Amino acid sequence: MTENVVTVPPETPVLAIARLLSERGISAVPVLGADGKLLGIVTEADLIRRLTGGDGKPMGLLRQLFTDMDRLADRYAASHGATAADVMTRDVVTVAPTTPVSEIAAMMEEKGIRRVLVTHEKRLLGLVSRADLLRALVEPPAETGEYSDERLRRAVLAAMRREPWADTFFTLVDVKDGVVELHGFSNSAAVLRGLKVLAAQVPGVKAVVDNTQPMPAQLFAAA
């Protein structure tokens, strides 16, 4: 997990939070109370929701009968609020420090989230993001100090699956002595360029070698 997490108090203005996310290059900040306990989290999605606001249309009687008014009130506060306490997500996904990495990965996949907070007795200890999981996947064993080619291959494939433009069906990945080799077919020069950058960014990768071929027309049509 990342231990040095940027946090804000609940009275922090929304504009200050937006500026903080932009300047630090982060996508979320936990909100802590005066006692240090976790109250919620403000994400980019929360701020975007505030920018879009509500549709402003009056609600008919029939719709009112089948609508959760508490939920509507919460959405109004989130989209019009001026402080972290107003716009933050209160139902935060948290894990214990002893939670296995595999369980955290499955939780992120199931809930479609990018991060989980690590807490103990409601106090924030750190944050685990998808990038942290990727680093853990390729972390070298302490006894050898070397990266496993198989773990590097899995890390590259995991990174590819996160990108909608990356093709894991026609493009195959192999790793030998820390060098990533791309085999099979590539959709375009742009996709191939993106794959090279993606693979090179995985910690432990020494180089990327392109052994792909342009995708035949019949395969491209099938894809």
C-alpha atoms as a PDB file:
ATOM      1  CA  MET A   1       0.000   0.000   0.000  1.00  0.00           C
ATOM      2  CA  THR A   2       0.947   3.655  -0.332  1.00  0.00           C
ATOM      3  CA  GLU A   3       1.359   5.009   3.202  1.00  0.00           C
ATOM      4  CA  ASN A   4       1.853   8.724   2.536  1.00  0.00           C
ATOM      5  CA  VAL A   5      -1.690   9.531   1.453  1.00  0.00           C
ATOM      6  CA  VAL A   6      -2.845  13.100   0.823  1.00  0.00           C
ATOM      7  CA  THR A   7      -5.933  13.818   2.952  1.00  0.00           C
ATOM      8  CA  VAL A   8      -8.249  16.758   3.579  1.00  0.00           C
ATOM      9  CA  PRO A   9     -10.541  17.838   6.450  1.00  0.00           C
ATOM     10  CA  PRO A  10     -14.315  17.883   5.829  1.00  0.00           C
ATOM     11  CA  GLU A  11     -14.517  21.691   5.622  1.00  0.00           C
ATOM     12  CA  THR A  12     -12.077  21.907   2.662  1.00  0.00           C
ATOM     13  CA  PRO A  13     -13.642  23.872  -0.246  1.00  0.00           C
ATOM     14  CA  VAL A  14     -14.419  21.880  -3.393  1.00  0.00           C
ATOM     15  CA  LEU A  15     -12.339  24.201  -5.573  1.00  0.00           C
ATOM     16  CA  ALA A  16      -9.330  23.669  -3.315  1.00  0.00           C
ATOM     17  CA  ILE A  17      -9.762  19.904  -3.654  1.00  0.00           C
ATOM     18  CA  ALA A  18      -9.953  20.155  -7.448  1.00  0.00           C
ATOM     19  CA  ARG A  19      -6.763  22.202  -7.460  1.00  0.00           C
ATOM     20  CA  LEU A  20      -5.080  19.686  -5.135  1.00  0.00           C
ATOM     21  CA  LEU A  21      -5.953  16.731  -7.381  1.00  0.00           C
ATOM     22  CA  SER A  22      -4.650  18.576 -10.412  1.00  0.00           C
ATOM     23  CA  GLU A  23      -1.396  19.747  -8.839  1.00  0.00           C
ATOM     24  CA  ARG A  24      -0.545  16.414  -7.183  1.00  0.00           C
ATOM     25  CA  GLY A  25      -1.623  14.304 -10.169  1.00  0.00           C
ATOM     26  CA  ILE A  26      -3.923  12.156  -8.023  1.00  0.00           C
ATOM     27  CA  SER A  27      -7.514  11.067  -8.560  1.00  0.00           C
ATOM     28  CA  ALA A  28      -8.901  11.007  -5.004  1.00  0.00           C
ATOM     29  CA  VAL A  29      -8.349  12.261  -1.448  1.00  0.00           C
ATOM     30  CA  PRO A  30      -9.667  10.677   1.763  1.00  0.00           C
ATOM     31  CA  VAL A  31     -11.538  12.958   4.151  1.00  0.00           C
ATOM     32  CA  LEU A  32     -10.506  12.712   7.808  1.00  0.00           C
ATOM     33  CA  GLY A  33     -12.223  14.138  10.866  1.00  0.00           C
ATOM     34  CA  ALA A  34     -10.496  16.076  13.643  1.00  0.00           C
ATOM     35  CA  ASP A  35     -10.007  12.773  15.499  1.00  0.00           C
ATOM     36  CA  GLY A  36      -8.164  11.286  12.521  1.00  0.00           C
ATOM     37  CA  LYS A  37     -10.946   8.865  11.651  1.00  0.00           C
ATOM     38  CA  LEU A  38     -12.040   8.266   8.072  1.00  0.00           C
ATOM     39  CA  LEU A  39     -15.236  10.065   7.077  1.00  0.00           C
ATOM     40  CA  GLY A  40     -15.289   9.532   3.324  1.00  0.00           C
ATOM     41  CA  ILE A  41     -13.395  10.087   0.098  1.00  0.00           C
ATOM     42  CA  VAL A  42     -13.606  12.706  -2.657  1.00  0.00           C
ATOM     43  CA  THR A  43     -12.849  11.370  -6.123  1.00  0.00           C
ATOM     44  CA  GLU A  44     -12.668  12.891  -9.580  1.00  0.00           C
ATOM     45  CA  ALA A  45     -16.085  11.343 -10.225  1.00  0.00           C
ATOM     46  CA  ASP A  46     -17.535  13.203  -7.223  1.00  0.00           C
ATOM     47  CA  LEU A  47     -16.232  16.522  -8.555  1.00  0.00           C
ATOM     48  CA  ILE A  48     -17.473  15.814 -12.085  1.00  0.00           C
ATOM     49  CA  ARG A  49     -20.898  14.965 -10.657  1.00  0.00           C
ATOM     50  CA  ARG A  50     -20.902  18.346  -8.924  1.00  0.00           C
ATOM     51  CA  LEU A  51     -20.028  20.107 -12.187  1.00  0.00           C
ATOM     52  CA  THR A  52     -22.866  18.443 -14.087  1.00  0.00           C
ATOM     53  CA  GLY A  53     -25.402  19.175 -11.341  1.00  0.00           C
ATOM     54  CA  GLY A  54     -29.021  18.032 -11.634  1.00  0.00           C
ATOM     55  CA  ASP A  55     -31.268  18.151 -14.675  1.00  0.00           C
ATOM     56  CA  GLY A  56     -33.471  20.787 -13.017  1.00  0.00           C
ATOM     57  CA  LYS A  57     -36.659  19.190 -14.351  1.00  0.00           C
ATOM     58  CA  PRO A  58     -39.728  19.010 -12.098  1.00  0.00           C
ATOM     59  CA  MET A  59     -40.656  15.518 -10.909  1.00  0.00           C
ATOM     60  CA  GLY A  60     -44.111  14.162 -11.595  1.00  0.00           C
ATOM     61  CA  LEU A  61     -46.300  12.639  -8.891  1.00  0.00           C
ATOM     62  CA  LEU A  62     -45.929   9.071 -10.188  1.00  0.00           C
ATOM     63  CA  ARG A  63     -42.154   9.312 -10.208  1.00  0.00           C
ATOM     64  CA  GLN A  64     -42.181  10.753  -6.699  1.00  0.00           C
ATOM     65  CA  LEU A  65     -44.071   7.702  -5.423  1.00  0.00           C
ATOM     66  CA  PHE A  66     -41.345   5.328  -6.622  1.00  0.00           C
ATOM     67  CA  THR A  67     -38.269   7.437  -5.846  1.00  0.00           C
ATOM     68  CA  ASP A  68     -36.063   7.279  -2.759  1.00  0.00           C
ATOM     69  CA  MET A  69     -36.212  10.890  -1.569  1.00  0.00           C
ATOM     70  CA  ASP A  70     -33.261  10.462   0.780  1.00  0.00           C
ATOM     71  CA  ARG A  71     -31.141   9.369  -2.158  1.00  0.00           C
ATOM     72  CA  LEU A  72     -32.296  12.361  -4.193  1.00  0.00           C
ATOM     73  CA  ALA A  73     -31.415  14.674  -1.302  1.00  0.00           C
ATOM     74  CA  ASP A  74     -27.956  13.132  -1.060  1.00  0.00           C
ATOM     75  CA  ARG A  75     -27.437  13.571  -4.806  1.00  0.00           C
ATOM     76  CA  TYR A  76     -28.523  17.202  -4.591  1.00  0.00           C
ATOM     77  CA  ALA A  77     -26.100  17.899  -1.748  1.00  0.00           C
ATOM     78  CA  ALA A  78     -23.276  16.181  -3.648  1.00  0.00           C
ATOM     79  CA  SER A  79     -23.946  18.098  -6.861  1.00  0.00           C
ATOM     80  CA  HIS A  80     -24.408  21.510  -5.219  1.00  0.00           C
ATOM     81  CA  GLY A  81     -22.229  21.309  -2.101  1.00  0.00           C
ATOM     82  CA  ALA A  82     -19.238  23.544  -1.517  1.00  0.00           C
ATOM     83  CA  THR A  83     -17.092  21.464   0.836  1.00  0.00           C
ATOM     84  CA  ALA A  84     -15.541  18.010   1.041  1.00  0.00           C
ATOM     85  CA  ALA A  85     -18.219  16.930   3.522  1.00  0.00           C
ATOM     86  CA  ASP A  86     -20.922  17.826   0.988  1.00  0.00           C
ATOM     87  CA  VAL A  87     -19.549  16.045  -2.071  1.00  0.00           C
ATOM     88  CA  MET A  88     -17.591  13.114  -0.613  1.00  0.00           C
ATOM     89  CA  THR A  89     -18.558   9.477  -1.018  1.00  0.00           C
ATOM     90  CA  ARG A  90     -19.390   8.200   2.449  1.00  0.00           C
ATOM     91  CA  ASP A  91     -19.743   4.515   1.635  1.00  0.00           C
ATOM     92  CA  VAL A  92     -15.996   3.899   1.294  1.00  0.00           C
ATOM     93  CA  VAL A  93     -14.574   0.484   0.446  1.00  0.00           C
ATOM     94  CA  THR A  94     -11.913  -0.347   3.044  1.00  0.00           C
ATOM     95  CA  VAL A  95      -9.709  -3.318   3.867  1.00  0.00           C
ATOM     96  CA  ALA A  96      -7.598  -4.385   6.827  1.00  0.00           C
ATOM     97  CA  PRO A  97      -3.783  -4.313   6.709  1.00  0.00           C
ATOM     98  CA  THR A  98      -3.790  -8.121   6.638  1.00  0.00           C
ATOM     99  CA  THR A  99      -6.125  -8.455   3.622  1.00  0.00           C
ATOM    100  CA  PRO A 100      -4.507 -10.656   0.916  1.00  0.00           C
ATOM    101  CA  VAL A 101      -3.563  -8.949  -2.348  1.00  0.00           C
ATOM    102  CA  SER A 102      -5.659 -11.455  -4.309  1.00  0.00           C
ATOM    103  CA  GLU A 103      -8.745 -10.505  -2.296  1.00  0.00           C
ATOM    104  CA  ILE A 104      -8.134  -6.793  -2.889  1.00  0.00           C
ATOM    105  CA  ALA A 105      -7.738  -7.385  -6.636  1.00  0.00           C
ATOM    106  CA  ALA A 106     -10.974  -9.379  -6.761  1.00  0.00           C
ATOM    107  CA  MET A 107     -12.778  -6.645  -4.788  1.00  0.00           C
ATOM    108  CA  MET A 108     -11.622  -3.943  -7.212  1.00  0.00           C
ATOM    109  CA  GLU A 109     -12.687  -6.017 -10.196  1.00  0.00           C
ATOM    110  CA  GLU A 110     -16.098  -6.847  -8.713  1.00  0.00           C
ATOM    111  CA  LYS A 111     -16.925  -3.307  -7.611  1.00  0.00           C
ATOM    112  CA  GLY A 112     -15.304  -1.578 -10.588  1.00  0.00           C
ATOM    113  CA  ILE A 113     -13.210   0.716  -8.388  1.00  0.00           C
ATOM    114  CA  ARG A 114      -9.658   2.028  -8.772  1.00  0.00           C
ATOM    115  CA  ARG A 115      -8.562   2.066  -5.145  1.00  0.00           C
ATOM    116  CA  VAL A 116      -9.333   0.812  -1.628  1.00  0.00           C
ATOM    117  CA  LEU A 117      -8.399   2.431   1.666  1.00  0.00           C
ATOM    118  CA  VAL A 118      -6.526   0.483   4.341  1.00  0.00           C
ATOM    119  CA  THR A 119      -7.881   1.214   7.819  1.00  0.00           C
ATOM    120  CA  HIS A 120      -7.638   0.000  11.394  1.00  0.00           C
ATOM    121  CA  GLU A 121     -10.367   0.999  13.844  1.00  0.00           C
ATOM    122  CA  LYS A 122     -11.565   3.606  11.316  1.00  0.00           C
ATOM    123  CA  ARG A 123      -8.125   5.231  11.151  1.00  0.00           C
ATOM    124  CA  LEU A 124      -6.467   5.548   7.769  1.00  0.00           C
ATOM    125  CA  LEU A 125      -3.233   3.602   7.355  1.00  0.00           C
ATOM    126  CA  GLY A 126      -2.773   3.831   3.604  1.00  0.00           C
ATOM    127  CA  LEU A 127      -4.227   3.308   0.161  1.00  0.00           C
ATOM    128  CA  VAL A 128      -3.980   0.459  -2.347  1.00  0.00           C
ATOM    129  CA  SER A 129      -4.471   1.432  -5.986  1.00  0.00           C
ATOM    130  CA  ARG A 130      -4.356  -0.623  -9.165  1.00  0.00           C
ATOM    131  CA  ALA A 131      -0.829   0.672  -9.712  1.00  0.00           C
ATOM    132  CA  ASP A 132       0.155  -0.653  -6.277  1.00  0.00           C
ATOM    133  CA  LEU A 133      -1.213  -4.088  -7.184  1.00  0.00           C
ATOM    134  CA  LEU A 134       0.751  -4.029 -10.428  1.00  0.00           C
ATOM    135  CA  ARG A 135       3.954  -3.227  -8.543  1.00  0.00           C
ATOM    136  CA  ALA A 136       3.251  -6.027  -6.073  1.00  0.00           C
ATOM    137  CA  LEU A 137       2.780  -8.432  -8.962  1.00  0.00           C
ATOM    138  CA  VAL A 138       6.298  -7.839 -10.273  1.00  0.00           C
ATOM    139  CA  GLU A 139       8.062  -7.220  -6.954  1.00  0.00           C
ATOM    140  CA  PRO A 140      11.303  -9.205  -6.973  1.00  0.00           C
ATOM    141  CA  PRO A 141      11.710 -11.963  -4.382  1.00  0.00           C
ATOM    142  CA  ALA A 142      13.752 -10.697  -1.435  1.00  0.00           C
ATOM    143  CA  GLU A 143      16.144 -13.629  -1.557  1.00  0.00           C
ATOM    144  CA  THR A 144      17.181 -13.169  -5.190  1.00  0.00           C
ATOM    145  CA  GLY A 145      16.466  -9.532  -5.997  1.00  0.00           C
ATOM    146  CA  GLU A 146      15.422 -10.588  -9.515  1.00  0.00           C
ATOM    147  CA  TYR A 147      12.161 -10.238 -11.380  1.00  0.00           C
ATOM    148  CA  SER A 148      10.344 -13.339 -12.590  1.00  0.00           C
ATOM    149  CA  ASP A 149       9.727 -13.410 -16.343  1.00  0.00           C
ATOM    150  CA  GLU A 150       6.348 -15.056 -15.752  1.00  0.00           C
ATOM    151  CA  ARG A 151       5.307 -12.381 -13.274  1.00  0.00           C
ATOM    152  CA  LEU A 152       6.399  -9.681 -15.706  1.00  0.00           C
ATOM    153  CA  ARG A 153       4.350 -11.326 -18.449  1.00  0.00           C
ATOM    154  CA  ARG A 154       1.296 -11.449 -16.213  1.00  0.00           C
ATOM    155  CA  ALA A 155       1.800  -7.806 -15.242  1.00  0.00           C
ATOM    156  CA  VAL A 156       1.982  -6.707 -18.887  1.00  0.00           C
ATOM    157  CA  LEU A 157      -1.170  -8.688 -19.720  1.00  0.00           C
ATOM    158  CA  ALA A 158      -2.966  -7.200 -16.706  1.00  0.00           C
ATOM    159  CA  ALA A 159      -2.021  -3.712 -17.866  1.00  0.00           C
ATOM    160  CA  MET A 160      -3.243  -4.505 -21.399  1.00  0.00           C
ATOM    161  CA  ARG A 161      -6.625  -5.699 -20.118  1.00  0.00           C
ATOM    162  CA  ARG A 162      -7.148  -2.346 -18.430  1.00  0.00           C
ATOM    163  CA  GLU A 163      -6.898  -0.504 -21.765  1.00  0.00           C
ATOM    164  CA  PRO A 164      -9.832  -0.818 -24.212  1.00  0.00           C
ATOM    165  CA  TRP A 165      -7.566  -0.282 -27.223  1.00  0.00           C
ATOM    166  CA  ALA A 166      -5.066  -3.026 -26.281  1.00  0.00           C
ATOM    167  CA  ASP A 167      -5.727  -6.365 -28.012  1.00  0.00           C
ATOM    168  CA  THR A 168      -4.971  -9.450 -25.877  1.00  0.00           C
ATOM    169  CA  PHE A 169      -6.534 -11.882 -28.357  1.00  0.00           C
ATOM    170  CA  PHE A 170      -4.367 -11.426 -31.459  1.00  0.00           C
ATOM    171  CA  THR A 171      -1.295  -9.966 -29.717  1.00  0.00           C
ATOM    172  CA  LEU A 172       0.697 -12.424 -27.615  1.00  0.00           C
ATOM    173  CA  VAL A 173       3.199 -11.531 -24.891  1.00  0.00           C
ATOM    174  CA  ASP A 174       6.363 -13.396 -23.972  1.00  0.00           C
ATOM    175  CA  VAL A 175       9.154 -12.364 -21.598  1.00  0.00           C
ATOM    176  CA  LYS A 176      12.737 -13.604 -21.656  1.00  0.00           C
ATOM    177  CA  ASP A 177      15.324 -12.282 -19.215  1.00  0.00           C
ATOM    178  CA  GLY A 178      13.200  -9.202 -18.554  1.00  0.00           C
ATOM    179  CA  VAL A 179      12.723  -8.400 -22.243  1.00  0.00           C
ATOM    180  CA  VAL A 180       9.098  -8.265 -23.420  1.00  0.00           C
ATOM    181  CA  GLU A 181       8.477  -9.781 -26.854  1.00  0.00           C
ATOM    182  CA  LEU A 182       5.239  -9.007 -28.688  1.00  0.00           C
ATOM    183  CA  HIS A 183       4.046 -11.691 -31.108  1.00  0.00           C
ATOM    184  CA  GLY A 184       0.996 -12.259 -33.297  1.00  0.00           C
ATOM    185  CA  PHE A 185      -0.809  -9.434 -35.070  1.00  0.00           C
ATOM    186  CA  SER A 186      -1.312  -5.726 -34.377  1.00  0.00           C
ATOM    187  CA  ASN A 187      -4.359  -3.688 -35.390  1.00  0.00           C
ATOM    188  CA  SER A 188      -2.461  -0.537 -36.309  1.00  0.00           C
ATOM    189  CA  ALA A 189       0.768   1.372 -35.868  1.00  0.00           C
ATOM    190  CA  ALA A 190      -0.884   3.486 -33.165  1.00  0.00           C
ATOM    191  CA  VAL A 191      -1.946   0.428 -31.158  1.00  0.00           C
ATOM    192  CA  LEU A 192       1.515  -1.092 -31.502  1.00  0.00           C
ATOM    193  CA  ARG A 193       3.126   2.141 -30.329  1.00  0.00           C
ATOM    194  CA  GLY A 194       0.788   2.206 -27.337  1.00  0.00           C
ATOM    195  CA  LEU A 195       1.603  -1.420 -26.474  1.00  0.00           C
ATOM    196  CA  LYS A 196       5.335  -0.683 -26.509  1.00  0.00           C
ATOM    197  CA  VAL A 197       4.885   2.251 -24.133  1.00  0.00           C
ATOM    198  CA  LEU A 198       2.541   0.243 -21.900  1.00  0.00           C
ATOM    199  CA  ALA A 199       4.942  -2.702 -21.600  1.00  0.00           C
ATOM    200  CA  ALA A 200       7.986  -0.482 -21.055  1.00  0.00           C
ATOM    201  CA  GLN A 201       6.283   1.205 -18.083  1.00  0.00           C
ATOM    202  CA  VAL A 202       5.895  -2.057 -16.154  1.00  0.00           C
ATOM    203  CA  PRO A 203       8.523  -2.091 -13.369  1.00  0.00           C
ATOM    204  CA  GLY A 204      11.263  -4.604 -14.137  1.00  0.00           C
ATOM    205  CA  VAL A 205      10.885  -4.601 -17.925  1.00  0.00           C
ATOM    206  CA  LYS A 206      14.291  -4.039 -19.532  1.00  0.00           C
ATOM    207  CA  ALA A 207      13.207  -3.662 -23.159  1.00  0.00           C
ATOM    208  CA  VAL A 208      10.347  -4.297 -25.578  1.00  0.00           C
ATOM    209  CA  VAL A 209      10.814  -6.154 -28.864  1.00  0.00           C
ATOM    210  CA  ASP A 210       8.177  -6.064 -31.594  1.00  0.00           C
ATOM    211  CA  ASN A 211       7.770  -9.367 -33.460  1.00  0.00           C
ATOM    212  CA  THR A 212       4.183  -8.704 -34.574  1.00  0.00           C
ATOM    213  CA  GLN A 213       2.847  -8.569 -38.111  1.00  0.00           C
ATOM    214  CA  PRO A 214       0.112  -6.379 -39.598  1.00  0.00           C
ATOM    215  CA  MET A 215      -3.258  -7.997 -39.061  1.00  0.00           C
ATOM    216  CA  PRO A 216      -4.598  -9.680 -42.210  1.00  0.00           C
ATOM    217  CA  ALA A 217      -7.755  -8.140 -43.610  1.00  0.00           C
ATOM    218  CA  GLN A 218      -9.888 -11.207 -42.839  1.00  0.00           C
ATOM    219  CA  LEU A 219      -8.786 -11.264 -39.187  1.00  0.00           C
ATOM    220  CA  PHE A 220      -9.309  -7.509 -38.835  1.00  0.00           C
ATOM    221  CA  ALA A 221     -12.879  -7.892 -40.146  1.00  0.00           C
ATOM    222  CA  ALA A 222     -13.519 -10.733 -37.693  1.00  0.00           C
ATOM    223  CA  ALA A 223     -12.151  -8.677 -34.792  1.00  0.00           C
END
